[in-house]
Protein backbone atom coordinates (compact mmCIF):
# COMPACT_ATOMS: atom_id res chain seq x y z
CA GLN A 1 -21.16 52.17 99.31
CA ASN A 2 -19.72 53.75 102.41
CA SER A 3 -22.17 52.11 104.84
CA VAL A 4 -20.23 49.10 106.11
CA ASN A 5 -22.28 46.68 108.23
CA THR A 6 -19.61 44.06 108.89
CA ILE A 7 -15.90 43.48 108.32
CA LEU A 8 -13.78 40.32 108.39
CA GLN A 9 -10.22 39.38 107.49
CA THR A 10 -10.02 35.85 106.14
CA ARG A 11 -7.04 33.58 106.71
CA ASP A 12 -5.81 34.19 103.15
CA GLY A 13 -5.28 37.86 104.06
CA TYR A 14 -8.23 39.42 102.25
CA LEU A 15 -10.31 42.02 104.03
CA TRP A 16 -14.04 41.57 103.33
CA LEU A 17 -16.58 44.34 103.84
CA GLY A 18 -20.31 43.75 103.93
CA THR A 19 -22.11 46.89 102.76
CA GLN A 20 -25.64 47.94 101.90
CA GLU A 21 -24.80 47.60 98.22
CA GLY A 22 -22.70 44.46 98.06
CA LEU A 23 -19.72 42.52 99.30
CA VAL A 24 -16.27 44.07 98.88
CA ARG A 25 -12.91 42.27 98.91
CA PHE A 26 -9.76 44.29 99.56
CA ASP A 27 -6.33 42.81 98.86
CA GLY A 28 -4.37 45.72 100.34
CA VAL A 29 -4.28 47.61 97.04
CA HIS A 30 -7.50 47.01 95.09
CA PHE A 31 -11.16 46.76 96.00
CA ARG A 32 -13.34 44.22 94.17
CA ILE A 33 -17.10 44.54 94.46
CA PHE A 34 -19.48 41.58 94.35
CA ASP A 35 -23.18 42.37 94.02
CA THR A 36 -26.25 40.71 92.56
CA ARG A 37 -25.45 42.10 89.09
CA ASN A 38 -22.13 40.23 88.85
CA THR A 39 -22.76 37.59 91.57
CA PRO A 40 -26.41 36.47 91.55
CA ALA A 41 -25.70 33.78 94.17
CA LEU A 42 -25.52 36.51 96.84
CA GLY A 43 -29.30 36.82 96.67
CA ASP A 44 -29.23 40.42 97.91
CA ASP A 45 -26.81 43.34 97.87
CA TYR A 46 -27.39 44.20 101.55
CA VAL A 47 -24.77 42.18 103.47
CA GLU A 48 -25.39 42.00 107.23
CA THR A 49 -22.83 39.51 108.55
CA LEU A 50 -19.77 37.43 107.60
CA CYS A 51 -18.15 34.34 109.08
CA GLN A 52 -15.21 32.21 107.95
CA THR A 53 -15.40 28.55 108.93
CA ARG A 54 -12.57 26.09 109.55
CA ASP A 55 -12.88 24.68 106.03
CA GLY A 56 -12.01 28.11 104.61
CA ALA A 57 -15.54 28.94 103.45
CA LEU A 58 -16.76 32.51 103.78
CA TRP A 59 -20.43 32.57 104.82
CA ILE A 60 -22.38 35.66 103.88
CA GLY A 61 -25.63 36.67 105.56
CA THR A 62 -27.79 39.03 103.51
CA LEU A 63 -31.26 40.50 103.83
CA ASN A 64 -32.40 37.68 101.52
CA GLY A 65 -30.76 34.56 102.89
CA LEU A 66 -27.36 32.96 103.03
CA ALA A 67 -24.53 32.55 100.53
CA ARG A 68 -21.13 30.84 100.72
CA PHE A 69 -17.83 31.60 98.99
CA LYS A 70 -15.47 28.62 98.79
CA ASP A 71 -12.71 27.70 96.35
CA GLY A 72 -13.34 30.87 94.33
CA ARG A 73 -17.06 30.17 93.82
CA PHE A 74 -20.20 31.72 95.30
CA THR A 75 -23.13 29.43 96.11
CA ARG A 76 -26.62 30.41 97.21
CA MET A 77 -27.52 28.24 100.20
CA THR A 78 -31.06 26.92 100.19
CA PHE A 79 -32.84 24.90 102.85
CA GLY A 80 -36.37 24.49 101.53
CA ASP A 81 -38.47 27.23 103.06
CA THR A 82 -36.65 27.34 106.41
CA LEU A 83 -34.20 30.19 105.76
CA ASP A 84 -34.75 31.04 102.11
CA GLY A 85 -35.52 34.70 101.70
CA GLN A 86 -34.95 35.38 105.40
CA PRO A 87 -32.73 38.22 106.57
CA VAL A 88 -29.62 36.67 108.16
CA PHE A 89 -28.23 38.93 110.90
CA ALA A 90 -25.65 36.78 112.70
CA LEU A 91 -23.31 33.85 112.04
CA LEU A 92 -21.03 31.89 114.37
CA GLU A 93 -19.04 28.72 113.86
CA ALA A 94 -19.11 26.93 117.20
CA SER A 95 -16.26 24.86 118.58
CA ASP A 96 -18.11 21.69 117.56
CA GLY A 97 -18.04 22.86 113.92
CA ALA A 98 -21.75 23.70 113.70
CA LEU A 99 -22.73 26.98 112.07
CA TRP A 100 -25.23 29.04 114.07
CA ILE A 101 -27.43 31.29 111.97
CA GLY A 102 -29.40 34.20 113.43
CA SER A 103 -32.36 35.27 111.31
CA ARG A 104 -35.63 37.16 111.57
CA ASP A 105 -37.32 34.00 112.86
CA GLY A 106 -34.71 33.10 115.47
CA ALA A 107 -31.75 30.73 115.70
CA SER A 108 -30.85 27.81 113.45
CA ARG A 109 -27.95 25.37 113.67
CA LEU A 110 -26.33 23.86 110.58
CA SER A 111 -24.33 20.72 111.31
CA GLY A 112 -23.07 19.01 108.17
CA ARG A 113 -26.08 19.14 105.89
CA ILE A 114 -28.67 19.10 108.67
CA LEU A 115 -30.34 22.41 109.53
CA THR A 116 -32.22 22.55 112.83
CA LYS A 117 -34.44 25.56 113.47
CA PHE A 118 -35.00 26.35 117.12
CA PHE A 119 -37.41 29.30 117.09
CA HIS A 120 -40.23 30.38 114.87
CA GLY A 121 -41.29 33.95 115.26
CA ARG A 122 -41.80 36.07 112.17
CA ASN A 123 -41.66 39.11 114.40
CA PRO A 124 -38.88 41.55 115.38
CA ALA A 125 -38.71 40.18 118.93
CA ALA A 126 -37.65 36.76 117.61
CA ALA A 127 -34.78 38.09 115.48
CA VAL A 128 -31.38 36.80 116.63
CA ARG A 129 -28.80 39.54 116.08
CA SER A 130 -25.68 38.14 117.74
CA PHE A 131 -24.06 34.96 119.10
CA ALA A 132 -21.23 34.26 121.53
CA GLU A 133 -19.69 30.96 122.59
CA LEU A 134 -18.31 30.49 126.08
CA PRO A 135 -15.48 28.13 126.94
CA GLY A 136 -17.07 24.71 127.20
CA GLY A 137 -19.35 25.26 124.22
CA GLU A 138 -22.32 27.10 125.72
CA ILE A 139 -23.90 29.35 123.07
CA TRP A 140 -25.44 32.68 124.03
CA PHE A 141 -27.65 34.64 121.66
CA ALA A 142 -29.14 38.13 121.62
CA GLU A 143 -32.61 38.67 120.28
CA GLY A 144 -35.15 41.47 120.17
CA ASN A 145 -36.67 40.72 123.58
CA GLY A 146 -33.73 39.49 125.64
CA VAL A 147 -30.90 37.00 125.60
CA GLY A 148 -30.71 33.27 125.81
CA ARG A 149 -28.34 30.37 126.06
CA TYR A 150 -28.05 26.91 124.59
CA ASN A 151 -26.22 24.14 126.41
CA GLY A 152 -28.13 21.18 125.06
CA ARG A 153 -31.39 22.96 125.94
CA PHE A 154 -32.51 26.51 125.35
CA LYS A 155 -33.25 28.99 128.09
CA LYS A 156 -34.42 32.54 127.41
CA PHE A 157 -33.92 35.52 129.71
CA GLY A 158 -36.16 38.55 129.35
CA THR A 159 -38.18 40.92 131.47
CA GLU A 160 -39.93 37.93 133.06
CA THR A 161 -36.56 36.78 134.46
CA GLY A 162 -35.37 40.17 135.65
CA LEU A 163 -33.89 41.91 132.61
CA SER A 164 -34.88 45.55 132.41
CA GLY A 165 -37.40 46.34 129.68
CA THR A 166 -35.96 49.84 129.29
CA ALA A 167 -32.21 49.22 128.83
C-alpha cells in the first residue's frame, strides 16, 4: 500500500509505516508487513498514528482501536467500551509518562492502567486529531471544531472564543 498515513523511527533503528492496508517495518533492506491476516491483534489494517513510549513499546492507532507492540509481541488494547472499536487518530506520550489518545469521541489519558476519558462526542467535531506538549507539561489538542489545552483543567477555544470558522 503506497498510502502512508504516519511514519516513525523507533529507538532500535526500525522505520515503521502506518498505511491503509497495514503496518510496515523497514530495517534498511527489507520491508515486513503486519496486517490483520498475520497479526489479528492490530484490529484493523488502516493505521492512523504511531507513538513509541519510554518503555520501548510501539503504540498503534487504527480505525478500530489501539494495539501495542512490545518485546516482539502485538497486543490488542481493550478498555471495556471506552475506546474499543474507536478510530484512534493521535497519540502522545507526555513528559509525565501518560499516554494521550485522540479518538473519534475526544481525548483520553492512559496513566499506568487507568484510562480517563475527557470528552464524549460521537461526532466529527469531537474527534481529536493531534496533540502537542509545551515545556512545563501543558497539553494542547486539535479537534474538529477548534483547539484546546489541558493544564490540570480543560479549556476549549473555538469560534465562540475568536477562532475563525472559515480557516
